[in-house]
Amino acid sequence: MKQFSNSKRLAATLLGVAIGLPLASPTSAQTIIDEWNDVKAPAAPALQPVKVEPKETALLMLDFVKQLCGPRPRCVASLPKVQGLLTKAREAGVLVVYSLAGQPITDTLPEVAARPGEASVTSGPDKFMNTDLDKILKEKGIKTVIVAGTAAEGAVLNTAAAAALRGYKVIMPVDAASSTQPYSEQYTAWHLANSPRVGPQVTLTKIDQIGF
């Protein structure tokens, strides 16, 4: 029976060759996991200077709490620059909205602590989900959001994408989006720049390239 089965398989292969069907190559059966170490990162997306209209812009400060930023050295290292961004945004009259992941607002790290009266929402990685974030932004006439936070592949990626899909223009300073490892930040930047319907809404930049 086995010999007969092998004969049928051989006959089918010869028939395929005779009528011009392509033969399956060894690589065609591979998955991305099999090819993982052979994949090269694409070219880095370009960073663009950007000028915002303060009255139509909100700065989203995502999860800069001691429980999430504190254990991530790359997040802690980003705090001085993010603090500078926050100061300039406030001076320009930009709306500032904080997000949490279940923690009290008082757990925000002191370098970037919220001021009395500044709004906050609490949710998982997508800060629009089951919160009033969209309502807060629309009531203030916000058309553009600057997204800063941690983790890049969590709150930053999901909230920025959700904002873009809702029609907001999204500015993501790459030096304000941190994670535990560089790859997560790299992937987030690539995804936001290239994802369908999201990419056209997103501008990648650096903190010192944002003008108010």
C-alpha atoms as a PDB file:
ATOM      1  CA  MET A   1       0.000   0.000   0.000  1.00  0.00           C
ATOM      2  CA  LYS A   2       2.828   2.415   0.885  1.00  0.00           C
ATOM      3  CA  GLN A   3       4.606   1.659  -2.380  1.00  0.00           C
ATOM      4  CA  PHE A   4       1.391   2.321  -4.321  1.00  0.00           C
ATOM      5  CA  SER A   5       0.850   5.604  -2.504  1.00  0.00           C
ATOM      6  CA  ASN A   6       4.382   6.730  -3.295  1.00  0.00           C
ATOM      7  CA  SER A   7       3.851   5.822  -6.934  1.00  0.00           C
ATOM      8  CA  LYS A   8       0.700   7.941  -7.098  1.00  0.00           C
ATOM      9  CA  ARG A   9       2.545  10.842  -5.505  1.00  0.00           C
ATOM     10  CA  LEU A  10       5.370  10.558  -8.049  1.00  0.00           C
ATOM     11  CA  ALA A  11       2.897  10.382 -10.913  1.00  0.00           C
ATOM     12  CA  ALA A  12       1.138  13.523  -9.666  1.00  0.00           C
ATOM     13  CA  THR A  13       4.451  15.364  -9.464  1.00  0.00           C
ATOM     14  CA  LEU A  14       5.428  14.320 -13.000  1.00  0.00           C
ATOM     15  CA  LEU A  15       2.013  15.391 -14.263  1.00  0.00           C
ATOM     16  CA  GLY A  16       2.443  18.783 -12.631  1.00  0.00           C
ATOM     17  CA  VAL A  17       5.817  19.240 -14.306  1.00  0.00           C
ATOM     18  CA  ALA A  18       4.353  18.186 -17.644  1.00  0.00           C
ATOM     19  CA  ILE A  19       1.596  20.811 -17.527  1.00  0.00           C
ATOM     20  CA  GLY A  20       3.840  23.544 -16.143  1.00  0.00           C
ATOM     21  CA  LEU A  21       2.720  23.784 -12.520  1.00  0.00           C
ATOM     22  CA  PRO A  22       5.356  25.370 -10.237  1.00  0.00           C
ATOM     23  CA  LEU A  23       6.955  23.062  -7.727  1.00  0.00           C
ATOM     24  CA  ALA A  24       6.803  24.061  -4.057  1.00  0.00           C
ATOM     25  CA  SER A  25      10.151  25.384  -2.893  1.00  0.00           C
ATOM     26  CA  PRO A  26      11.511  24.486   0.544  1.00  0.00           C
ATOM     27  CA  THR A  27      11.160  28.111   1.689  1.00  0.00           C
ATOM     28  CA  SER A  28       7.474  28.278   0.775  1.00  0.00           C
ATOM     29  CA  ALA A  29       6.642  26.103   3.762  1.00  0.00           C
ATOM     30  CA  GLN A  30       8.496  28.340   6.216  1.00  0.00           C
ATOM     31  CA  THR A  31       6.817  30.630   8.688  1.00  0.00           C
ATOM     32  CA  ILE A  32       8.049  34.006   9.871  1.00  0.00           C
ATOM     33  CA  ILE A  33       9.314  32.232  12.986  1.00  0.00           C
ATOM     34  CA  ASP A  34      11.511  30.001  10.819  1.00  0.00           C
ATOM     35  CA  GLU A  35      12.829  33.077   8.998  1.00  0.00           C
ATOM     36  CA  TRP A  36      13.151  35.233  12.133  1.00  0.00           C
ATOM     37  CA  ASN A  37      16.931  35.515  12.213  1.00  0.00           C
ATOM     38  CA  ASP A  38      17.137  36.216   8.476  1.00  0.00           C
ATOM     39  CA  VAL A  39      14.719  39.156   8.432  1.00  0.00           C
ATOM     40  CA  LYS A  40      16.356  42.550   8.028  1.00  0.00           C
ATOM     41  CA  ALA A  41      14.765  45.672   9.424  1.00  0.00           C
ATOM     42  CA  PRO A  42      13.500  48.083   6.756  1.00  0.00           C
ATOM     43  CA  ALA A  43      14.999  51.510   6.360  1.00  0.00           C
ATOM     44  CA  ALA A  44      14.209  53.870   9.218  1.00  0.00           C
ATOM     45  CA  PRO A  45      11.242  56.171   8.598  1.00  0.00           C
ATOM     46  CA  ALA A  46      12.096  59.820   8.205  1.00  0.00           C
ATOM     47  CA  LEU A  47      11.550  62.187  11.116  1.00  0.00           C
ATOM     48  CA  GLN A  48       9.801  65.420  10.254  1.00  0.00           C
ATOM     49  CA  PRO A  49       9.746  68.820  11.967  1.00  0.00           C
ATOM     50  CA  VAL A  50       6.206  69.812  12.849  1.00  0.00           C
ATOM     51  CA  LYS A  51       4.441  73.000  13.905  1.00  0.00           C
ATOM     52  CA  VAL A  52       1.208  72.636  15.851  1.00  0.00           C
ATOM     53  CA  GLU A  53      -1.736  74.898  16.523  1.00  0.00           C
ATOM     54  CA  PRO A  54      -1.855  74.925  20.348  1.00  0.00           C
ATOM     55  CA  LYS A  55      -5.608  75.488  20.621  1.00  0.00           C
ATOM     56  CA  GLU A  56      -6.293  72.422  18.480  1.00  0.00           C
ATOM     57  CA  THR A  57      -3.643  70.171  20.021  1.00  0.00           C
ATOM     58  CA  ALA A  58      -3.526  67.872  23.035  1.00  0.00           C
ATOM     59  CA  LEU A  59      -0.500  66.251  24.644  1.00  0.00           C
ATOM     60  CA  LEU A  60      -1.330  62.726  25.787  1.00  0.00           C
ATOM     61  CA  MET A  61       0.903  61.650  28.676  1.00  0.00           C
ATOM     62  CA  LEU A  62       0.489  57.891  28.781  1.00  0.00           C
ATOM     63  CA  ASP A  63       1.249  55.832  31.878  1.00  0.00           C
ATOM     64  CA  PHE A  64       4.180  57.789  33.284  1.00  0.00           C
ATOM     65  CA  VAL A  65       3.520  56.186  36.669  1.00  0.00           C
ATOM     66  CA  LYS A  66       6.062  54.709  39.033  1.00  0.00           C
ATOM     67  CA  GLN A  67       4.719  51.178  38.541  1.00  0.00           C
ATOM     68  CA  LEU A  68       5.188  51.209  34.749  1.00  0.00           C
ATOM     69  CA  CYS A  69       7.834  53.815  33.926  1.00  0.00           C
ATOM     70  CA  GLY A  70       9.909  53.279  37.044  1.00  0.00           C
ATOM     71  CA  PRO A  71      11.045  49.702  36.233  1.00  0.00           C
ATOM     72  CA  ARG A  72      11.940  50.642  32.649  1.00  0.00           C
ATOM     73  CA  PRO A  73      15.361  52.315  32.407  1.00  0.00           C
ATOM     74  CA  ARG A  74      14.591  53.644  28.932  1.00  0.00           C
ATOM     75  CA  CYS A  75      11.463  55.346  30.252  1.00  0.00           C
ATOM     76  CA  VAL A  76      13.292  56.876  33.194  1.00  0.00           C
ATOM     77  CA  ALA A  77      16.018  58.103  30.830  1.00  0.00           C
ATOM     78  CA  SER A  78      13.397  59.808  28.661  1.00  0.00           C
ATOM     79  CA  LEU A  79      11.914  61.844  31.523  1.00  0.00           C
ATOM     80  CA  PRO A  80      14.093  64.986  31.193  1.00  0.00           C
ATOM     81  CA  LYS A  81      13.164  65.403  27.519  1.00  0.00           C
ATOM     82  CA  VAL A  82       9.518  64.577  28.161  1.00  0.00           C
ATOM     83  CA  GLN A  83       9.506  67.089  31.003  1.00  0.00           C
ATOM     84  CA  GLY A  84      10.767  69.711  28.559  1.00  0.00           C
ATOM     85  CA  LEU A  85       8.021  68.814  26.089  1.00  0.00           C
ATOM     86  CA  LEU A  86       5.405  69.040  28.835  1.00  0.00           C
ATOM     87  CA  THR A  87       6.670  72.458  29.954  1.00  0.00           C
ATOM     88  CA  LYS A  88       6.590  73.880  26.430  1.00  0.00           C
ATOM     89  CA  ALA A  89       3.137  72.440  25.781  1.00  0.00           C
ATOM     90  CA  ARG A  90       1.735  73.980  28.955  1.00  0.00           C
ATOM     91  CA  GLU A  91       3.331  77.341  28.206  1.00  0.00           C
ATOM     92  CA  ALA A  92       1.706  77.299  24.764  1.00  0.00           C
ATOM     93  CA  GLY A  93      -1.711  76.499  26.217  1.00  0.00           C
ATOM     94  CA  VAL A  94      -1.876  72.953  24.855  1.00  0.00           C
ATOM     95  CA  LEU A  95      -4.414  70.664  26.504  1.00  0.00           C
ATOM     96  CA  VAL A  96      -2.668  68.008  28.610  1.00  0.00           C
ATOM     97  CA  VAL A  97      -4.392  64.687  29.287  1.00  0.00           C
ATOM     98  CA  TYR A  98      -2.887  61.936  31.422  1.00  0.00           C
ATOM     99  CA  SER A  99      -3.588  58.244  31.240  1.00  0.00           C
ATOM    100  CA  LEU A 100      -3.294  55.593  33.893  1.00  0.00           C
ATOM    101  CA  ALA A 101      -3.639  51.828  33.968  1.00  0.00           C
ATOM    102  CA  GLY A 102      -5.566  51.618  37.204  1.00  0.00           C
ATOM    103  CA  GLN A 103      -3.167  53.610  39.385  1.00  0.00           C
ATOM    104  CA  PRO A 104      -4.048  56.884  41.132  1.00  0.00           C
ATOM    105  CA  ILE A 105      -2.915  60.071  39.413  1.00  0.00           C
ATOM    106  CA  THR A 106      -0.651  60.756  42.388  1.00  0.00           C
ATOM    107  CA  ASP A 107       1.530  57.822  41.234  1.00  0.00           C
ATOM    108  CA  THR A 108       2.636  59.819  38.188  1.00  0.00           C
ATOM    109  CA  LEU A 109       6.378  60.389  38.443  1.00  0.00           C
ATOM    110  CA  PRO A 110       7.230  63.810  39.911  1.00  0.00           C
ATOM    111  CA  GLU A 111       9.220  65.004  36.880  1.00  0.00           C
ATOM    112  CA  VAL A 112       6.023  64.916  34.786  1.00  0.00           C
ATOM    113  CA  ALA A 113       3.341  65.081  37.468  1.00  0.00           C
ATOM    114  CA  ALA A 114      -0.137  66.295  36.593  1.00  0.00           C
ATOM    115  CA  ARG A 115      -1.314  69.714  37.680  1.00  0.00           C
ATOM    116  CA  PRO A 116      -4.659  70.257  39.391  1.00  0.00           C
ATOM    117  CA  GLY A 117      -7.427  70.415  36.828  1.00  0.00           C
ATOM    118  CA  GLU A 118      -5.629  68.430  34.129  1.00  0.00           C
ATOM    119  CA  ALA A 119      -7.766  65.577  32.840  1.00  0.00           C
ATOM    120  CA  SER A 120      -6.916  61.909  33.195  1.00  0.00           C
ATOM    121  CA  VAL A 121      -8.378  58.619  32.031  1.00  0.00           C
ATOM    122  CA  THR A 122      -7.635  55.046  33.019  1.00  0.00           C
ATOM    123  CA  SER A 123      -7.720  52.038  30.724  1.00  0.00           C
ATOM    124  CA  GLY A 124      -5.604  49.309  29.175  1.00  0.00           C
ATOM    125  CA  PRO A 125      -3.315  49.831  26.174  1.00  0.00           C
ATOM    126  CA  ASP A 126      -5.983  51.689  24.157  1.00  0.00           C
ATOM    127  CA  LYS A 127      -6.804  54.756  26.235  1.00  0.00           C
ATOM    128  CA  PHE A 128      -9.903  55.446  24.153  1.00  0.00           C
ATOM    129  CA  MET A 129     -11.468  52.147  25.194  1.00  0.00           C
ATOM    130  CA  ASN A 130     -14.185  52.555  27.836  1.00  0.00           C
ATOM    131  CA  THR A 131     -13.044  56.091  28.713  1.00  0.00           C
ATOM    132  CA  ASP A 132     -14.116  59.677  27.984  1.00  0.00           C
ATOM    133  CA  LEU A 133     -10.897  60.479  26.116  1.00  0.00           C
ATOM    134  CA  ASP A 134     -12.579  61.045  22.758  1.00  0.00           C
ATOM    135  CA  LYS A 135     -15.249  63.193  24.430  1.00  0.00           C
ATOM    136  CA  ILE A 136     -12.623  65.250  26.280  1.00  0.00           C
ATOM    137  CA  LEU A 137     -10.747  65.934  23.054  1.00  0.00           C
ATOM    138  CA  LYS A 138     -13.804  66.740  20.965  1.00  0.00           C
ATOM    139  CA  GLU A 139     -15.249  69.102  23.568  1.00  0.00           C
ATOM    140  CA  LYS A 140     -12.015  71.116  23.393  1.00  0.00           C
ATOM    141  CA  GLY A 141     -11.940  71.155  19.595  1.00  0.00           C
ATOM    142  CA  ILE A 142      -8.800  69.029  19.441  1.00  0.00           C
ATOM    143  CA  LYS A 143      -7.694  67.913  15.992  1.00  0.00           C
ATOM    144  CA  THR A 144      -4.109  66.827  16.718  1.00  0.00           C
ATOM    145  CA  VAL A 145      -2.631  64.717  19.498  1.00  0.00           C
ATOM    146  CA  ILE A 146       0.985  64.441  20.545  1.00  0.00           C
ATOM    147  CA  VAL A 147       1.499  60.988  22.023  1.00  0.00           C
ATOM    148  CA  ALA A 148       4.166  60.396  24.672  1.00  0.00           C
ATOM    149  CA  GLY A 149       4.365  57.451  27.013  1.00  0.00           C
ATOM    150  CA  THR A 150       5.254  53.907  27.885  1.00  0.00           C
ATOM    151  CA  ALA A 151       5.141  51.150  26.826  1.00  0.00           C
ATOM    152  CA  ALA A 152       5.765  51.975  23.191  1.00  0.00           C
ATOM    153  CA  GLU A 153       4.229  48.719  22.004  1.00  0.00           C
ATOM    154  CA  GLY A 154       1.354  49.061  24.468  1.00  0.00           C
ATOM    155  CA  ALA A 155      -0.228  52.379  25.354  1.00  0.00           C
ATOM    156  CA  VAL A 156       1.638  54.419  22.733  1.00  0.00           C
ATOM    157  CA  LEU A 157       1.000  52.140  19.771  1.00  0.00           C
ATOM    158  CA  ASN A 158      -2.617  51.343  20.564  1.00  0.00           C
ATOM    159  CA  THR A 159      -3.679  54.834  21.603  1.00  0.00           C
ATOM    160  CA  ALA A 160      -1.917  56.526  18.688  1.00  0.00           C
ATOM    161  CA  ALA A 161      -3.476  54.087  16.214  1.00  0.00           C
ATOM    162  CA  ALA A 162      -6.899  54.507  17.813  1.00  0.00           C
ATOM    163  CA  ALA A 163      -6.570  58.287  17.545  1.00  0.00           C
ATOM    164  CA  ALA A 164      -5.575  58.068  13.888  1.00  0.00           C
ATOM    165  CA  LEU A 165      -8.502  55.793  13.082  1.00  0.00           C
ATOM    166  CA  ARG A 166     -10.809  58.345  14.720  1.00  0.00           C
ATOM    167  CA  GLY A 167      -9.539  61.041  12.384  1.00  0.00           C
ATOM    168  CA  TYR A 168      -7.067  62.836  14.652  1.00  0.00           C
ATOM    169  CA  LYS A 169      -3.681  63.874  13.341  1.00  0.00           C
ATOM    170  CA  VAL A 170      -1.061  62.100  15.419  1.00  0.00           C
ATOM    171  CA  ILE A 171       2.403  63.383  16.279  1.00  0.00           C
ATOM    172  CA  MET A 172       4.711  60.836  17.852  1.00  0.00           C
ATOM    173  CA  PRO A 173       8.087  62.051  19.088  1.00  0.00           C
ATOM    174  CA  VAL A 174      10.157  58.886  19.034  1.00  0.00           C
ATOM    175  CA  ASP A 175      12.244  60.027  22.002  1.00  0.00           C
ATOM    176  CA  ALA A 176       9.079  60.197  24.112  1.00  0.00           C
ATOM    177  CA  ALA A 177       7.941  56.624  23.428  1.00  0.00           C
ATOM    178  CA  SER A 178       9.847  54.166  25.589  1.00  0.00           C
ATOM    179  CA  SER A 179       9.811  50.470  26.355  1.00  0.00           C
ATOM    180  CA  THR A 180      11.948  47.835  28.005  1.00  0.00           C
ATOM    181  CA  GLN A 181      13.942  47.186  24.832  1.00  0.00           C
ATOM    182  CA  PRO A 182      14.817  49.082  21.631  1.00  0.00           C
ATOM    183  CA  TYR A 183      13.057  46.607  19.331  1.00  0.00           C
ATOM    184  CA  SER A 184       9.659  47.480  20.802  1.00  0.00           C
ATOM    185  CA  GLU A 185      10.270  51.160  20.123  1.00  0.00           C
ATOM    186  CA  GLN A 186      11.528  50.399  16.621  1.00  0.00           C
ATOM    187  CA  TYR A 187       8.526  48.241  15.795  1.00  0.00           C
ATOM    188  CA  THR A 188       6.121  50.866  17.128  1.00  0.00           C
ATOM    189  CA  ALA A 189       7.653  53.594  14.971  1.00  0.00           C
ATOM    190  CA  TRP A 190       7.535  51.383  11.874  1.00  0.00           C
ATOM    191  CA  HIS A 191       3.957  50.275  12.512  1.00  0.00           C
ATOM    192  CA  LEU A 192       2.619  53.783  13.061  1.00  0.00           C
ATOM    193  CA  ALA A 193       4.391  55.065   9.959  1.00  0.00           C
ATOM    194  CA  ASN A 194       3.251  52.229   7.689  1.00  0.00           C
ATOM    195  CA  SER A 195      -0.026  50.788   8.932  1.00  0.00           C
ATOM    196  CA  PRO A 196      -2.960  51.234   6.493  1.00  0.00           C
ATOM    197  CA  ARG A 197      -5.221  54.197   7.375  1.00  0.00           C
ATOM    198  CA  VAL A 198      -2.974  54.954  10.358  1.00  0.00           C
ATOM    199  CA  GLY A 199       0.282  55.871   8.635  1.00  0.00           C
ATOM    200  CA  PRO A 200      -1.175  58.787   6.632  1.00  0.00           C
ATOM    201  CA  GLN A 201      -2.387  60.368   9.889  1.00  0.00           C
ATOM    202  CA  VAL A 202       0.924  59.997  11.749  1.00  0.00           C
ATOM    203  CA  THR A 203       4.004  62.209  11.796  1.00  0.00           C
ATOM    204  CA  LEU A 204       7.121  60.787  13.409  1.00  0.00           C
ATOM    205  CA  THR A 205       9.380  63.420  14.897  1.00  0.00           C
ATOM    206  CA  LYS A 206      11.612  64.277  17.866  1.00  0.00           C
ATOM    207  CA  ILE A 207      10.769  66.449  20.835  1.00  0.00           C
ATOM    208  CA  ASP A 208      13.087  69.251  19.728  1.00  0.00           C
ATOM    209  CA  GLN A 209      11.480  69.258  16.283  1.00  0.00           C
ATOM    210  CA  ILE A 210       8.025  70.161  17.622  1.00  0.00           C
ATOM    211  CA  GLY A 211       7.124  73.825  17.446  1.00  0.00           C
ATOM    212  CA  PHE A 212       4.227  75.471  19.303  1.00  0.00           C
END
